[in-house]
Amino acid sequence: MEQNVSTEKKSSEVIVVTSGKGGVGKTAFTTLLTKVMIEDPQAGKLLVVDADPALGLHYALGRKEIKTIGTVRDEILRVAEEGDRQAQEELADKVDYLTARVLDEGKDFSFLAMGHMESKGCFCSVNDLLQQAISYLTDEFNTVLIDGEAGIEQINRQVVEKIDTLIVLTDSSFRGMKTISHIKEMRDEGLLPFCKKIGVVFNRTRNDVSKLEAFAKELGLEIFGAVPMDEEVEAYDSEGKSLLELPENNPALVAVRQVYKKL
């Protein structure tokens, strides 16, 4: 399948998947959502971004090698520290090129890994250069799907300046209820970036989630859906098989399709 390309350029639709805590299956969910988007012509030209420093998404997507924006940042820092003025001026003109070089372009979608962006500390001027380059790159796509960091306080703003849809993944535990309560508090206090949509997905569910759904509705949070715990997904993950290869009738994949209809 060739990657869908729109005939008319439009601004990118940016979807970010995050979670209140680790271990809720965020990367697996993002992979299944990628599979669903590949099937949808309306998604257009698709860019998938791994903004989680854990760097697990490329395995789930079946990517063997990985190049990250973190290596570009390290190169900028190296030249800034060791290079002469001419080398520094030349590098400033090459940031867009260096960023594009770590883009993994595939036939169905392109993939970009952020890597460990703060491994040498926070250098605002360097990060600003990278954000500009990444923003330019993402503008070349119709849809940008981002696997964000665990922890809703750490919503990654190094990739794009705007988020159209924020998907918060949680499980069906008591901590899951606390998570969605915290989302409402952050939204009411203006601590979340501007989004057209903010919603909750209950992931890896084993039991009835009606109480969680009722609680979310009381808080005024949209519910995008629920995805069941699935042994086939777990088996693929443990065997290192790409979740993009799951059969079309897989229950978790079917549930993610229903979630996508609401986005």
C-alpha atoms as a PDB file:
ATOM      1  CA  MET A   1       0.000   0.000   0.000  1.00  0.00           C
ATOM      2  CA  GLU A   2       1.418   3.367  -0.994  1.00  0.00           C
ATOM      3  CA  GLN A   3       1.240   6.158   1.533  1.00  0.00           C
ATOM      4  CA  ASN A   4      -1.892   8.245   0.982  1.00  0.00           C
ATOM      5  CA  VAL A   5      -1.042  11.721  -0.300  1.00  0.00           C
ATOM      6  CA  SER A   6      -3.620  14.497  -0.464  1.00  0.00           C
ATOM      7  CA  THR A   7      -3.881  16.458  -3.673  1.00  0.00           C
ATOM      8  CA  GLU A   8      -4.296  19.685  -1.698  1.00  0.00           C
ATOM      9  CA  LYS A   9      -1.932  20.762   1.064  1.00  0.00           C
ATOM     10  CA  LYS A  10      -3.632  21.449   4.372  1.00  0.00           C
ATOM     11  CA  SER A  11      -2.367  22.237   7.830  1.00  0.00           C
ATOM     12  CA  SER A  12      -1.374  19.153   9.774  1.00  0.00           C
ATOM     13  CA  GLU A  13      -3.849  17.458  12.085  1.00  0.00           C
ATOM     14  CA  VAL A  14      -1.848  16.687  15.224  1.00  0.00           C
ATOM     15  CA  ILE A  15      -2.919  13.823  17.496  1.00  0.00           C
ATOM     16  CA  VAL A  16      -0.993  13.124  20.701  1.00  0.00           C
ATOM     17  CA  VAL A  17      -1.316   9.945  22.763  1.00  0.00           C
ATOM     18  CA  THR A  18      -0.228  10.295  26.375  1.00  0.00           C
ATOM     19  CA  SER A  19      -0.986   8.638  29.709  1.00  0.00           C
ATOM     20  CA  GLY A  20      -1.240   9.462  33.369  1.00  0.00           C
ATOM     21  CA  LYS A  21       1.174   6.701  34.311  1.00  0.00           C
ATOM     22  CA  GLY A  22       3.396   4.137  32.665  1.00  0.00           C
ATOM     23  CA  GLY A  23       2.401   0.588  31.841  1.00  0.00           C
ATOM     24  CA  VAL A  24      -1.041   1.232  30.376  1.00  0.00           C
ATOM     25  CA  GLY A  25      -0.087   0.155  26.839  1.00  0.00           C
ATOM     26  CA  LYS A  26       0.420   3.562  25.249  1.00  0.00           C
ATOM     27  CA  THR A  27       2.930   2.405  22.634  1.00  0.00           C
ATOM     28  CA  ALA A  28       0.810  -0.606  21.613  1.00  0.00           C
ATOM     29  CA  PHE A  29      -2.255   1.632  21.311  1.00  0.00           C
ATOM     30  CA  THR A  30      -0.324   4.144  19.190  1.00  0.00           C
ATOM     31  CA  THR A  31       0.810   1.331  16.904  1.00  0.00           C
ATOM     32  CA  LEU A  32      -2.745   0.048  16.436  1.00  0.00           C
ATOM     33  CA  LEU A  33      -3.914   3.599  15.761  1.00  0.00           C
ATOM     34  CA  THR A  34      -1.170   3.884  13.129  1.00  0.00           C
ATOM     35  CA  LYS A  35      -2.480   0.720  11.463  1.00  0.00           C
ATOM     36  CA  VAL A  36      -6.002   2.151  11.396  1.00  0.00           C
ATOM     37  CA  MET A  37      -4.814   5.476   9.962  1.00  0.00           C
ATOM     38  CA  ILE A  38      -2.892   3.736   7.185  1.00  0.00           C
ATOM     39  CA  GLU A  39      -6.197   2.239   6.085  1.00  0.00           C
ATOM     40  CA  ASP A  40      -7.939   5.640   5.975  1.00  0.00           C
ATOM     41  CA  PRO A  41      -7.399   7.749   2.822  1.00  0.00           C
ATOM     42  CA  GLN A  42      -8.601  10.838   4.726  1.00  0.00           C
ATOM     43  CA  ALA A  43      -5.560  10.621   6.998  1.00  0.00           C
ATOM     44  CA  GLY A  44      -3.475  11.639   3.984  1.00  0.00           C
ATOM     45  CA  LYS A  45       0.296  11.726   4.292  1.00  0.00           C
ATOM     46  CA  LEU A  46       1.076  10.316   7.745  1.00  0.00           C
ATOM     47  CA  LEU A  47       3.965  11.037  10.105  1.00  0.00           C
ATOM     48  CA  VAL A  48       4.334   8.976  13.292  1.00  0.00           C
ATOM     49  CA  VAL A  49       6.554  10.494  15.991  1.00  0.00           C
ATOM     50  CA  ASP A  50       8.047   8.706  18.986  1.00  0.00           C
ATOM     51  CA  ALA A  51       8.413  11.478  21.572  1.00  0.00           C
ATOM     52  CA  ASP A  52       8.866   9.037  24.456  1.00  0.00           C
ATOM     53  CA  PRO A  53      12.531   8.712  25.546  1.00  0.00           C
ATOM     54  CA  ALA A  54      11.909   4.995  26.162  1.00  0.00           C
ATOM     55  CA  LEU A  55      12.058   4.571  22.351  1.00  0.00           C
ATOM     56  CA  GLY A  56       9.815   1.498  22.123  1.00  0.00           C
ATOM     57  CA  LEU A  57       7.557   2.541  19.279  1.00  0.00           C
ATOM     58  CA  HIS A  58       9.920   1.693  16.437  1.00  0.00           C
ATOM     59  CA  TYR A  59       9.995  -1.970  17.507  1.00  0.00           C
ATOM     60  CA  ALA A  60       6.189  -2.162  17.642  1.00  0.00           C
ATOM     61  CA  LEU A  61       6.061  -0.580  14.185  1.00  0.00           C
ATOM     62  CA  GLY A  62       8.540  -3.096  12.805  1.00  0.00           C
ATOM     63  CA  ARG A  63      11.360  -0.598  12.272  1.00  0.00           C
ATOM     64  CA  LYS A  64      14.763  -2.287  12.661  1.00  0.00           C
ATOM     65  CA  GLU A  65      17.121   0.695  12.783  1.00  0.00           C
ATOM     66  CA  ILE A  66      16.614   3.940  14.621  1.00  0.00           C
ATOM     67  CA  LYS A  67      18.045   7.419  14.146  1.00  0.00           C
ATOM     68  CA  THR A  68      16.895  10.145  16.490  1.00  0.00           C
ATOM     69  CA  ILE A  69      16.616  13.904  16.731  1.00  0.00           C
ATOM     70  CA  GLY A  70      18.763  13.532  19.838  1.00  0.00           C
ATOM     71  CA  THR A  71      21.757  12.756  17.612  1.00  0.00           C
ATOM     72  CA  VAL A  72      21.128  15.960  15.660  1.00  0.00           C
ATOM     73  CA  ARG A  73      21.051  17.900  18.900  1.00  0.00           C
ATOM     74  CA  ASP A  74      24.332  16.305  19.981  1.00  0.00           C
ATOM     75  CA  GLU A  75      25.939  17.296  16.662  1.00  0.00           C
ATOM     76  CA  ILE A  76      24.808  20.895  17.112  1.00  0.00           C
ATOM     77  CA  LEU A  77      26.253  20.959  20.616  1.00  0.00           C
ATOM     78  CA  ARG A  78      29.537  19.413  19.445  1.00  0.00           C
ATOM     79  CA  VAL A  79      30.041  22.045  16.752  1.00  0.00           C
ATOM     80  CA  ALA A  80      28.997  24.812  19.165  1.00  0.00           C
ATOM     81  CA  GLU A  81      31.633  23.658  21.639  1.00  0.00           C
ATOM     82  CA  GLU A  82      34.466  22.638  19.287  1.00  0.00           C
ATOM     83  CA  GLY A  83      33.877  24.328  15.923  1.00  0.00           C
ATOM     84  CA  ASP A  84      35.036  27.748  14.778  1.00  0.00           C
ATOM     85  CA  ARG A  85      32.637  30.569  13.887  1.00  0.00           C
ATOM     86  CA  GLN A  86      32.400  29.522  10.236  1.00  0.00           C
ATOM     87  CA  ALA A  87      31.499  25.951  11.200  1.00  0.00           C
ATOM     88  CA  GLN A  88      28.852  27.242  13.579  1.00  0.00           C
ATOM     89  CA  GLU A  89      27.323  29.514  10.927  1.00  0.00           C
ATOM     90  CA  GLU A  90      27.282  26.691   8.373  1.00  0.00           C
ATOM     91  CA  LEU A  91      25.640  24.319  10.847  1.00  0.00           C
ATOM     92  CA  ALA A  92      22.806  26.778  11.489  1.00  0.00           C
ATOM     93  CA  ASP A  93      21.911  26.498   7.816  1.00  0.00           C
ATOM     94  CA  LYS A  94      22.023  22.698   7.940  1.00  0.00           C
ATOM     95  CA  VAL A  95      19.633  22.073  10.837  1.00  0.00           C
ATOM     96  CA  ASP A  96      16.674  21.453   8.520  1.00  0.00           C
ATOM     97  CA  TYR A  97      18.766  19.048   6.465  1.00  0.00           C
ATOM     98  CA  LEU A  98      20.057  17.191   9.521  1.00  0.00           C
ATOM     99  CA  THR A  99      16.522  16.862  10.871  1.00  0.00           C
ATOM    100  CA  ALA A 100      15.221  15.519   7.552  1.00  0.00           C
ATOM    101  CA  ARG A 101      18.107  13.028   7.482  1.00  0.00           C
ATOM    102  CA  VAL A 102      16.831  11.202  10.572  1.00  0.00           C
ATOM    103  CA  LEU A 103      13.340  10.930   9.096  1.00  0.00           C
ATOM    104  CA  ASP A 104      12.553   7.287   8.294  1.00  0.00           C
ATOM    105  CA  GLU A 105      10.352   7.438   5.209  1.00  0.00           C
ATOM    106  CA  GLY A 106       8.262   4.331   4.476  1.00  0.00           C
ATOM    107  CA  LYS A 107       5.688   3.498   1.849  1.00  0.00           C
ATOM    108  CA  ASP A 108       2.737   3.685   4.275  1.00  0.00           C
ATOM    109  CA  PHE A 109       3.980   6.331   6.710  1.00  0.00           C
ATOM    110  CA  SER A 110       7.095   8.173   7.823  1.00  0.00           C
ATOM    111  CA  PHE A 111       8.638   7.816  11.282  1.00  0.00           C
ATOM    112  CA  LEU A 112      10.573  10.263  13.438  1.00  0.00           C
ATOM    113  CA  ALA A 113      12.122   9.463  16.834  1.00  0.00           C
ATOM    114  CA  MET A 114      12.921  12.272  19.243  1.00  0.00           C
ATOM    115  CA  GLY A 115      15.388  10.354  21.412  1.00  0.00           C
ATOM    116  CA  HIS A 116      16.909  11.609  24.658  1.00  0.00           C
ATOM    117  CA  MET A 117      16.582  15.328  24.110  1.00  0.00           C
ATOM    118  CA  GLU A 118      17.820  16.414  27.544  1.00  0.00           C
ATOM    119  CA  SER A 119      20.754  14.037  27.934  1.00  0.00           C
ATOM    120  CA  LYS A 120      23.237  16.932  28.173  1.00  0.00           C
ATOM    121  CA  GLY A 121      21.056  19.420  29.926  1.00  0.00           C
ATOM    122  CA  CYS A 122      18.690  22.058  28.655  1.00  0.00           C
ATOM    123  CA  PHE A 123      20.069  24.314  25.928  1.00  0.00           C
ATOM    124  CA  CYS A 124      17.199  26.578  24.943  1.00  0.00           C
ATOM    125  CA  SER A 125      18.797  27.995  21.791  1.00  0.00           C
ATOM    126  CA  VAL A 126      19.545  24.503  20.476  1.00  0.00           C
ATOM    127  CA  ASN A 127      16.060  23.242  21.314  1.00  0.00           C
ATOM    128  CA  ASP A 128      14.518  26.297  19.643  1.00  0.00           C
ATOM    129  CA  LEU A 129      16.454  25.550  16.450  1.00  0.00           C
ATOM    130  CA  LEU A 130      15.267  21.958  16.508  1.00  0.00           C
ATOM    131  CA  GLN A 131      11.670  22.899  17.209  1.00  0.00           C
ATOM    132  CA  GLN A 132      11.680  25.213  14.203  1.00  0.00           C
ATOM    133  CA  ALA A 133      13.148  22.473  12.007  1.00  0.00           C
ATOM    134  CA  ILE A 134      10.704  19.860  13.271  1.00  0.00           C
ATOM    135  CA  SER A 135       7.751  22.223  12.808  1.00  0.00           C
ATOM    136  CA  TYR A 136       8.836  22.769   9.212  1.00  0.00           C
ATOM    137  CA  LEU A 137       9.092  19.010   8.711  1.00  0.00           C
ATOM    138  CA  THR A 138       5.720  18.175  10.250  1.00  0.00           C
ATOM    139  CA  ASP A 139       4.037  20.798   8.082  1.00  0.00           C
ATOM    140  CA  GLU A 140       4.797  18.538   5.116  1.00  0.00           C
ATOM    141  CA  PHE A 141       2.328  15.933   6.435  1.00  0.00           C
ATOM    142  CA  ASN A 142      -1.459  15.860   6.623  1.00  0.00           C
ATOM    143  CA  THR A 143      -1.630  13.903   9.876  1.00  0.00           C
ATOM    144  CA  VAL A 144       0.934  13.760  12.687  1.00  0.00           C
ATOM    145  CA  LEU A 145       0.473  11.044  15.319  1.00  0.00           C
ATOM    146  CA  ILE A 146       2.695  11.419  18.384  1.00  0.00           C
ATOM    147  CA  ASP A 147       3.455   8.803  21.029  1.00  0.00           C
ATOM    148  CA  GLY A 148       4.057  11.173  23.927  1.00  0.00           C
ATOM    149  CA  GLU A 149       5.725  10.619  27.261  1.00  0.00           C
ATOM    150  CA  ALA A 150       4.005   8.939  30.180  1.00  0.00           C
ATOM    151  CA  GLY A 151       2.778  11.565  32.606  1.00  0.00           C
ATOM    152  CA  ILE A 152       0.305  14.190  31.483  1.00  0.00           C
ATOM    153  CA  GLU A 153       2.413  16.940  33.043  1.00  0.00           C
ATOM    154  CA  GLN A 154       5.135  16.066  30.530  1.00  0.00           C
ATOM    155  CA  ILE A 155       3.112  16.520  27.331  1.00  0.00           C
ATOM    156  CA  ASN A 156       5.846  16.915  24.751  1.00  0.00           C
ATOM    157  CA  ARG A 157       5.978  20.385  23.183  1.00  0.00           C
ATOM    158  CA  GLN A 158       9.299  19.849  21.399  1.00  0.00           C
ATOM    159  CA  VAL A 159       7.582  18.401  18.322  1.00  0.00           C
ATOM    160  CA  VAL A 160       4.782  20.825  17.488  1.00  0.00           C
ATOM    161  CA  GLU A 161       3.358  23.962  19.005  1.00  0.00           C
ATOM    162  CA  LYS A 162      -0.277  22.919  18.678  1.00  0.00           C
ATOM    163  CA  ILE A 163      -2.236  19.769  19.463  1.00  0.00           C
ATOM    164  CA  ASP A 164      -5.579  19.155  17.784  1.00  0.00           C
ATOM    165  CA  THR A 165      -6.525  16.011  19.696  1.00  0.00           C
ATOM    166  CA  LEU A 166      -5.121  14.789  23.007  1.00  0.00           C
ATOM    167  CA  ILE A 167      -5.821  11.143  23.831  1.00  0.00           C
ATOM    168  CA  VAL A 168      -5.194  10.250  27.466  1.00  0.00           C
ATOM    169  CA  LEU A 169      -4.809   6.522  27.981  1.00  0.00           C
ATOM    170  CA  THR A 170      -5.629   4.981  31.327  1.00  0.00           C
ATOM    171  CA  ASP A 171      -6.505   1.588  32.727  1.00  0.00           C
ATOM    172  CA  SER A 172      -9.601   0.609  34.708  1.00  0.00           C
ATOM    173  CA  SER A 173      -7.977   0.811  38.145  1.00  0.00           C
ATOM    174  CA  PHE A 174      -8.633   3.278  40.963  1.00  0.00           C
ATOM    175  CA  ARG A 175      -5.510   5.122  39.827  1.00  0.00           C
ATOM    176  CA  GLY A 176      -7.208   5.402  36.449  1.00  0.00           C
ATOM    177  CA  MET A 177     -10.047   7.312  38.076  1.00  0.00           C
ATOM    178  CA  LYS A 178      -7.547   9.614  39.790  1.00  0.00           C
ATOM    179  CA  THR A 179      -5.871  10.189  36.422  1.00  0.00           C
ATOM    180  CA  ILE A 180      -8.989  11.430  34.684  1.00  0.00           C
ATOM    181  CA  SER A 181      -9.809  13.603  37.691  1.00  0.00           C
ATOM    182  CA  HIS A 182      -6.341  15.150  37.389  1.00  0.00           C
ATOM    183  CA  ILE A 183      -6.902  15.816  33.680  1.00  0.00           C
ATOM    184  CA  LYS A 184      -9.981  17.875  34.485  1.00  0.00           C
ATOM    185  CA  GLU A 185      -8.072  19.882  37.102  1.00  0.00           C
ATOM    186  CA  MET A 186      -5.274  20.645  34.629  1.00  0.00           C
ATOM    187  CA  ARG A 187      -7.730  21.599  31.908  1.00  0.00           C
ATOM    188  CA  ASP A 188      -9.695  23.886  34.258  1.00  0.00           C
ATOM    189  CA  GLU A 189      -6.458  25.545  35.400  1.00  0.00           C
ATOM    190  CA  GLY A 190      -5.342  26.145  31.801  1.00  0.00           C
ATOM    191  CA  LEU A 191      -2.298  23.877  32.123  1.00  0.00           C
ATOM    192  CA  LEU A 192      -3.045  21.823  29.016  1.00  0.00           C
ATOM    193  CA  PRO A 193      -2.112  23.086  25.552  1.00  0.00           C
ATOM    194  CA  PHE A 194      -4.925  24.239  23.315  1.00  0.00           C
ATOM    195  CA  CYS A 195      -6.731  21.250  21.853  1.00  0.00           C
ATOM    196  CA  LYS A 196      -9.844  20.910  19.760  1.00  0.00           C
ATOM    197  CA  LYS A 197     -10.507  17.636  21.559  1.00  0.00           C
ATOM    198  CA  ILE A 198      -9.371  16.080  24.819  1.00  0.00           C
ATOM    199  CA  GLY A 199     -10.637  12.607  25.607  1.00  0.00           C
ATOM    200  CA  VAL A 200     -10.017   9.424  27.533  1.00  0.00           C
ATOM    201  CA  VAL A 201      -9.423   5.879  26.286  1.00  0.00           C
ATOM    202  CA  PHE A 202      -9.640   3.015  28.777  1.00  0.00           C
ATOM    203  CA  ASN A 203      -6.992   0.534  27.666  1.00  0.00           C
ATOM    204  CA  ARG A 204      -6.256  -3.106  28.499  1.00  0.00           C
ATOM    205  CA  THR A 205      -9.645  -3.434  30.138  1.00  0.00           C
ATOM    206  CA  ARG A 206     -10.658  -6.749  31.695  1.00  0.00           C
ATOM    207  CA  ASN A 207     -13.886  -5.762  33.393  1.00  0.00           C
ATOM    208  CA  ASP A 208     -16.873  -3.514  32.925  1.00  0.00           C
ATOM    209  CA  VAL A 209     -15.767   0.136  32.675  1.00  0.00           C
ATOM    210  CA  SER A 210     -19.218   1.679  33.089  1.00  0.00           C
ATOM    211  CA  LYS A 211     -18.314   3.219  36.453  1.00  0.00           C
ATOM    212  CA  LEU A 212     -15.216   4.837  34.987  1.00  0.00           C
ATOM    213  CA  GLU A 213     -17.227   6.085  32.013  1.00  0.00           C
ATOM    214  CA  ALA A 214     -19.856   7.576  34.332  1.00  0.00           C
ATOM    215  CA  PHE A 215     -17.134   9.242  36.404  1.00  0.00           C
ATOM    216  CA  ALA A 216     -15.519  10.747  33.287  1.00  0.00           C
ATOM    217  CA  LYS A 217     -18.876  12.055  32.086  1.00  0.00           C
ATOM    218  CA  GLU A 218     -19.494  13.688  35.458  1.00  0.00           C
ATOM    219  CA  LEU A 219     -16.201  15.513  35.003  1.00  0.00           C
ATOM    220  CA  GLY A 220     -17.213  16.638  31.519  1.00  0.00           C
ATOM    221  CA  LEU A 221     -14.486  14.649  29.777  1.00  0.00           C
ATOM    222  CA  GLU A 222     -15.172  13.037  26.438  1.00  0.00           C
ATOM    223  CA  ILE A 223     -14.785   9.258  26.258  1.00  0.00           C
ATOM    224  CA  PHE A 224     -13.216   8.068  23.026  1.00  0.00           C
ATOM    225  CA  GLY A 225     -13.683   4.378  23.848  1.00  0.00           C
ATOM    226  CA  ALA A 226     -12.284   1.279  25.551  1.00  0.00           C
ATOM    227  CA  VAL A 227      -9.779  -1.300  24.294  1.00  0.00           C
ATOM    228  CA  PRO A 228      -9.784  -4.784  25.833  1.00  0.00           C
ATOM    229  CA  MET A 229      -6.778  -6.669  27.146  1.00  0.00           C
ATOM    230  CA  ASP A 230      -5.784  -8.949  24.293  1.00  0.00           C
ATOM    231  CA  GLU A 231      -3.581 -12.052  24.496  1.00  0.00           C
ATOM    232  CA  GLU A 232      -2.663 -11.849  20.823  1.00  0.00           C
ATOM    233  CA  VAL A 233      -1.299  -8.320  21.264  1.00  0.00           C
ATOM    234  CA  GLU A 234       0.666  -9.485  24.305  1.00  0.00           C
ATOM    235  CA  ALA A 235       2.076 -12.443  22.362  1.00  0.00           C
ATOM    236  CA  TYR A 236       3.160 -10.271  19.421  1.00  0.00           C
ATOM    237  CA  ASP A 237       4.839  -7.877  21.825  1.00  0.00           C
ATOM    238  CA  SER A 238       6.710 -10.602  23.732  1.00  0.00           C
ATOM    239  CA  GLU A 239       7.872 -12.207  20.476  1.00  0.00           C
ATOM    240  CA  GLY A 240       9.065  -8.906  19.008  1.00  0.00           C
ATOM    241  CA  LYS A 241       6.564  -9.037  16.142  1.00  0.00           C
ATOM    242  CA  SER A 242       5.199  -5.808  14.698  1.00  0.00           C
ATOM    243  CA  LEU A 243       1.662  -5.062  15.836  1.00  0.00           C
ATOM    244  CA  LEU A 244       0.999  -3.787  12.314  1.00  0.00           C
ATOM    245  CA  GLU A 245       0.823  -7.466  11.324  1.00  0.00           C
ATOM    246  CA  LEU A 246      -2.140  -8.240  13.586  1.00  0.00           C
ATOM    247  CA  PRO A 247      -5.131  -9.795  11.791  1.00  0.00           C
ATOM    248  CA  GLU A 248      -7.985  -7.481  10.886  1.00  0.00           C
ATOM    249  CA  ASN A 249     -10.408  -9.183  13.277  1.00  0.00           C
ATOM    250  CA  ASN A 250      -8.185  -8.771  16.341  1.00  0.00           C
ATOM    251  CA  PRO A 251     -10.465  -7.482  19.170  1.00  0.00           C
ATOM    252  CA  ALA A 252      -8.060  -4.748  20.294  1.00  0.00           C
ATOM    253  CA  LEU A 253      -7.652  -3.525  16.716  1.00  0.00           C
ATOM    254  CA  VAL A 254     -11.416  -3.531  16.185  1.00  0.00           C
ATOM    255  CA  ALA A 255     -11.813  -1.426  19.343  1.00  0.00           C
ATOM    256  CA  VAL A 256      -9.158   1.073  18.203  1.00  0.00           C
ATOM    257  CA  ARG A 257     -11.049   1.485  14.917  1.00  0.00           C
ATOM    258  CA  GLN A 258     -14.079   2.527  16.954  1.00  0.00           C
ATOM    259  CA  VAL A 259     -11.947   5.016  18.874  1.00  0.00           C
ATOM    260  CA  TYR A 260     -10.631   6.469  15.612  1.00  0.00           C
ATOM    261  CA  LYS A 261     -14.178   7.102  14.373  1.00  0.00           C
ATOM    262  CA  LYS A 262     -14.627   9.549  17.251  1.00  0.00           C
ATOM    263  CA  LEU A 263     -11.486  11.570  16.522  1.00  0.00           C
END
